[in-house]
Amino acid sequence: MRNLHILPLALLVALAGCGEREANNSQQAGVASDAPAALVSPDPVALAAAAPDSFTLVFVTSKGDVELRVRREWSPLGVDRLHYLANNGFFDGARFFRVVPGFVVQFGLSGRPDVDAAFKRLMIADDSVRVSNRRGTLVFATSGPNSRTTQLFINLADNAMLDEQGFSPMGEVVAGMDVVDQINSEYGEQSNIQGRIEREGNDFFRERFPALDSIVTVRITP
């Protein structure tokens, strides 16, 4: 059994995936999407390119728009990866699959199995923590040291205890925090689903968690 701890806090149930035990449950495993080449076979040079010093991300969601200001000086490697993902449409159609009131809203699995498989091993090194995990900050989730890939969370509260665990904020919500607060949390914590999300993508969400809120698209502005 393989366990992937997205946010390794003892007081919370972590998302997890079970390998072979779930294999027969999915008829969608390995189904390719129509994702662009930049997402299914990322070019290493483009992937490593430096992002602008600062930029704005507008997340158009099923609940409304959320505007975040991102600053490269806060978390350079993280911001470079975030800019690449947003610029290539990685988050379009992705679900907010983990919502813990008073803690975090988590997202960053694309909903397309071939895309998530491509990025699963493209980990980036940790950045130092230069800004505290205060309410509204945007941060990469991890499975341990130097393991950031695509999963992100927005802090719903001042979570300073995450600073000591190495979670490095990259930016913060500057408009639409009321929208973030309204993202559907009815499903709570779910365990043993990480593998199925990766293999079945949005088909799994539509079947098991149809009321999850989602990201329609993300716009980048200077």
Protein backbone atom coordinates (compact mmCIF):
# COMPACT_ATOMS: atom_id res chain seq x y z
CA MET A 1 0.00 0.00 0.00
CA ARG A 2 1.27 3.46 -0.91
CA ASN A 3 0.36 6.41 1.29
CA LEU A 4 0.71 9.97 0.03
CA HIS A 5 0.45 12.51 2.83
CA ILE A 6 -0.54 15.78 1.23
CA LEU A 7 -0.33 17.81 4.44
CA PRO A 8 1.39 15.72 7.11
CA LEU A 9 -0.54 16.84 10.20
CA ALA A 10 -1.28 14.21 12.82
CA LEU A 11 -4.63 15.73 13.70
CA LEU A 12 -6.00 15.29 10.16
CA VAL A 13 -6.77 12.29 7.98
CA ALA A 14 -4.45 12.47 4.96
CA LEU A 15 -5.49 11.65 1.44
CA ALA A 16 -4.15 8.26 0.50
CA GLY A 17 -4.10 5.94 -2.48
CA CYS A 18 -4.15 2.15 -2.54
CA GLY A 19 -2.49 0.56 -5.54
CA GLU A 20 -3.51 -2.86 -6.75
CA ARG A 21 -6.49 -3.12 -4.41
CA GLU A 22 -8.26 -0.41 -6.40
CA ALA A 23 -7.04 -1.33 -9.89
CA ASN A 24 -10.11 -3.28 -10.89
CA ASN A 25 -12.45 -0.52 -9.79
CA SER A 26 -11.51 1.78 -12.64
CA GLN A 27 -12.34 1.46 -16.32
CA GLN A 28 -10.79 4.83 -17.04
CA ALA A 29 -7.19 4.08 -16.09
CA GLY A 30 -4.74 5.17 -18.73
CA VAL A 31 -7.35 6.98 -20.85
CA ALA A 32 -5.69 9.89 -22.60
CA SER A 33 -7.16 13.37 -22.62
CA ASP A 34 -6.88 16.05 -25.28
CA ALA A 35 -4.44 18.00 -23.12
CA PRO A 36 -1.70 20.00 -24.88
CA ALA A 37 1.81 18.63 -25.22
CA ALA A 38 3.05 21.12 -22.62
CA LEU A 39 1.06 19.17 -20.02
CA VAL A 40 1.52 15.56 -21.12
CA SER A 41 5.21 15.84 -22.06
CA PRO A 42 6.58 19.02 -20.49
CA ASP A 43 9.74 20.48 -22.02
CA PRO A 44 12.42 20.60 -19.28
CA VAL A 45 13.73 23.98 -20.43
CA ALA A 46 10.30 25.60 -20.40
CA LEU A 47 9.50 23.91 -17.11
CA ALA A 48 12.63 25.40 -15.50
CA ALA A 49 12.13 28.92 -16.87
CA ALA A 50 11.92 31.74 -14.35
CA ALA A 51 8.51 33.31 -13.81
CA PRO A 52 7.98 37.08 -13.69
CA ASP A 53 8.89 38.75 -10.41
CA SER A 54 5.20 39.22 -9.68
CA PHE A 55 1.91 38.58 -11.44
CA THR A 56 -1.78 38.12 -10.75
CA LEU A 57 -3.75 34.91 -11.13
CA VAL A 58 -7.50 35.15 -11.55
CA PHE A 59 -9.17 31.84 -10.74
CA VAL A 60 -12.60 31.71 -12.35
CA THR A 61 -14.41 29.12 -10.22
CA SER A 62 -17.86 27.62 -9.92
CA LYS A 63 -18.39 29.89 -6.90
CA GLY A 64 -16.99 33.11 -8.40
CA ASP A 65 -13.68 34.79 -9.15
CA VAL A 66 -10.65 34.69 -6.85
CA GLU A 67 -7.70 37.00 -7.49
CA LEU A 68 -4.25 36.16 -6.13
CA ARG A 69 -1.08 38.21 -6.24
CA VAL A 70 1.99 35.99 -6.63
CA ARG A 71 5.51 37.12 -5.69
CA ARG A 72 8.55 35.19 -6.87
CA GLU A 73 10.77 36.50 -4.07
CA TRP A 74 8.58 34.62 -1.58
CA SER A 75 9.17 31.17 -3.10
CA PRO A 76 11.13 31.21 -6.40
CA LEU A 77 11.01 27.56 -7.43
CA GLY A 78 7.40 27.22 -6.40
CA VAL A 79 6.36 30.32 -8.33
CA ASP A 80 8.20 29.13 -11.44
CA ARG A 81 6.25 25.86 -11.36
CA LEU A 82 2.97 27.65 -10.59
CA HIS A 83 3.40 30.03 -13.53
CA TYR A 84 4.10 27.14 -15.91
CA LEU A 85 1.02 25.25 -14.75
CA ALA A 86 -1.30 28.23 -14.93
CA ASN A 87 0.09 29.43 -18.26
CA ASN A 88 -0.57 26.03 -19.85
CA GLY A 89 -4.10 25.47 -18.55
CA PHE A 90 -3.25 22.80 -16.00
CA PHE A 91 -5.92 23.91 -13.53
CA ASP A 92 -8.78 24.32 -16.01
CA GLY A 93 -11.55 21.96 -14.89
CA ALA A 94 -9.75 20.88 -11.70
CA ARG A 95 -11.78 20.23 -8.53
CA PHE A 96 -11.34 21.60 -5.03
CA PHE A 97 -11.11 18.07 -3.68
CA ARG A 98 -10.13 18.71 -0.06
CA VAL A 99 -11.86 21.44 1.92
CA VAL A 100 -11.33 21.57 5.68
CA PRO A 101 -13.19 24.53 7.24
CA GLY A 102 -10.92 26.62 9.39
CA PHE A 103 -7.83 25.08 7.81
CA VAL A 104 -7.31 24.78 4.02
CA VAL A 105 -8.88 24.48 0.59
CA GLN A 106 -6.79 22.09 -1.53
CA PHE A 107 -6.64 21.50 -5.30
CA GLY A 108 -4.07 20.77 -7.99
CA LEU A 109 -4.92 17.39 -9.47
CA SER A 110 -5.84 18.28 -13.04
CA GLY A 111 -8.65 15.75 -13.46
CA ARG A 112 -6.84 14.29 -16.51
CA PRO A 113 -4.96 11.03 -15.77
CA ASP A 114 -2.30 11.47 -18.45
CA VAL A 115 -1.49 14.98 -17.25
CA ASP A 116 -1.29 14.01 -13.58
CA ALA A 117 0.91 11.04 -14.49
CA ALA A 118 3.29 13.32 -16.41
CA PHE A 119 3.82 15.62 -13.42
CA LYS A 120 3.82 13.04 -10.67
CA ARG A 121 7.60 12.57 -10.73
CA LEU A 122 8.50 16.13 -11.72
CA MET A 123 9.21 17.23 -8.16
CA ILE A 124 10.83 20.52 -7.27
CA ALA A 125 13.06 21.31 -4.33
CA ASP A 126 11.73 23.16 -1.32
CA ASP A 127 12.00 26.91 -0.96
CA SER A 128 12.69 28.47 2.41
CA VAL A 129 9.70 29.85 4.29
CA ARG A 130 9.88 33.62 3.95
CA VAL A 131 6.23 34.50 4.64
CA SER A 132 3.98 32.94 7.26
CA ASN A 133 1.05 30.69 6.33
CA ARG A 134 -1.49 33.35 7.14
CA ARG A 135 -5.11 33.31 6.01
CA GLY A 136 -5.42 33.69 2.24
CA THR A 137 -1.90 32.58 1.32
CA LEU A 138 -1.35 30.15 -1.57
CA VAL A 139 1.04 27.27 -0.88
CA PHE A 140 2.25 24.02 -2.45
CA ALA A 141 1.20 20.82 -0.69
CA THR A 142 3.90 18.18 -0.27
CA SER A 143 4.45 14.49 0.41
CA GLY A 144 7.66 15.22 2.31
CA PRO A 145 10.85 17.20 1.74
CA ASN A 146 11.54 18.34 -1.84
CA SER A 147 8.39 16.75 -3.24
CA ARG A 148 6.29 19.63 -4.58
CA THR A 149 4.61 18.88 -7.90
CA THR A 150 1.18 20.40 -8.68
CA GLN A 151 -1.02 20.28 -5.59
CA LEU A 152 -1.79 23.56 -3.84
CA PHE A 153 -3.82 24.88 -0.96
CA ILE A 154 -5.17 28.22 0.21
CA ASN A 155 -5.04 28.79 3.95
CA LEU A 156 -8.48 29.44 5.43
CA ALA A 157 -6.97 30.57 8.74
CA ASP A 158 -3.65 31.71 10.15
CA ASN A 159 -1.80 28.38 10.10
CA ALA A 160 1.60 29.41 11.49
CA MET A 161 2.30 25.79 12.53
CA LEU A 162 2.84 25.04 8.83
CA ASP A 163 5.80 27.43 8.73
CA GLU A 164 7.89 25.07 10.86
CA GLN A 165 6.94 22.17 8.58
CA GLY A 166 8.46 23.94 5.56
CA PHE A 167 5.33 25.02 3.67
CA SER A 168 6.39 28.11 1.70
CA PRO A 169 3.66 30.59 0.62
CA MET A 170 3.96 31.97 -2.92
CA GLY A 171 1.24 34.60 -2.95
CA GLU A 172 -2.04 35.59 -1.38
CA VAL A 173 -5.66 36.27 -2.17
CA VAL A 174 -6.22 39.98 -2.79
CA ALA A 175 -9.87 39.75 -3.87
CA GLY A 176 -12.48 37.02 -3.51
CA MET A 177 -11.58 35.50 -0.15
CA ASP A 178 -15.33 35.39 0.50
CA VAL A 179 -15.56 33.11 -2.55
CA VAL A 180 -12.86 30.82 -1.15
CA ASP A 181 -14.78 30.61 2.13
CA GLN A 182 -17.86 29.39 0.23
CA ILE A 183 -16.18 26.48 -1.60
CA ASN A 184 -18.14 23.30 -0.91
CA SER A 185 -16.89 21.38 2.13
CA GLU A 186 -19.73 18.86 2.45
CA TYR A 187 -17.54 15.82 1.68
CA GLY A 188 -14.99 16.54 4.40
CA GLU A 189 -11.80 14.49 4.61
CA GLN A 190 -11.60 11.42 2.36
CA SER A 191 -9.02 8.66 2.74
CA ASN A 192 -7.82 6.03 0.27
CA ILE A 193 -8.87 7.94 -2.85
CA GLN A 194 -5.61 9.45 -4.12
CA GLY A 195 -4.91 6.57 -6.50
CA ARG A 196 -8.39 6.68 -8.00
CA ILE A 197 -8.22 10.43 -8.53
CA GLU A 198 -4.95 10.00 -10.40
CA ARG A 199 -6.25 7.11 -12.54
CA GLU A 200 -9.82 8.23 -13.21
CA GLY A 201 -9.63 11.99 -12.94
CA ASN A 202 -12.81 13.99 -13.20
CA ASP A 203 -14.85 10.87 -14.05
CA PHE A 204 -14.26 9.74 -10.47
CA PHE A 205 -15.32 13.09 -9.07
CA ARG A 206 -18.48 13.15 -11.18
CA GLU A 207 -19.41 9.69 -9.92
CA ARG A 208 -18.51 9.96 -6.25
CA PHE A 209 -18.40 13.67 -5.42
CA PRO A 210 -20.64 15.44 -7.93
CA ALA A 211 -21.13 18.61 -5.87
CA LEU A 212 -17.45 19.53 -5.62
CA ASP A 213 -16.67 23.05 -6.72
CA SER A 214 -14.22 23.46 -9.57
CA ILE A 215 -11.91 25.83 -11.41
CA VAL A 216 -13.30 26.89 -14.79
CA THR A 217 -10.11 28.57 -15.95
CA VAL A 218 -7.16 30.62 -14.71
CA ARG A 219 -6.02 33.92 -16.21
CA ILE A 220 -2.56 35.44 -15.77
CA THR A 221 -2.18 39.22 -15.77
CA PRO A 222 0.89 41.37 -15.03
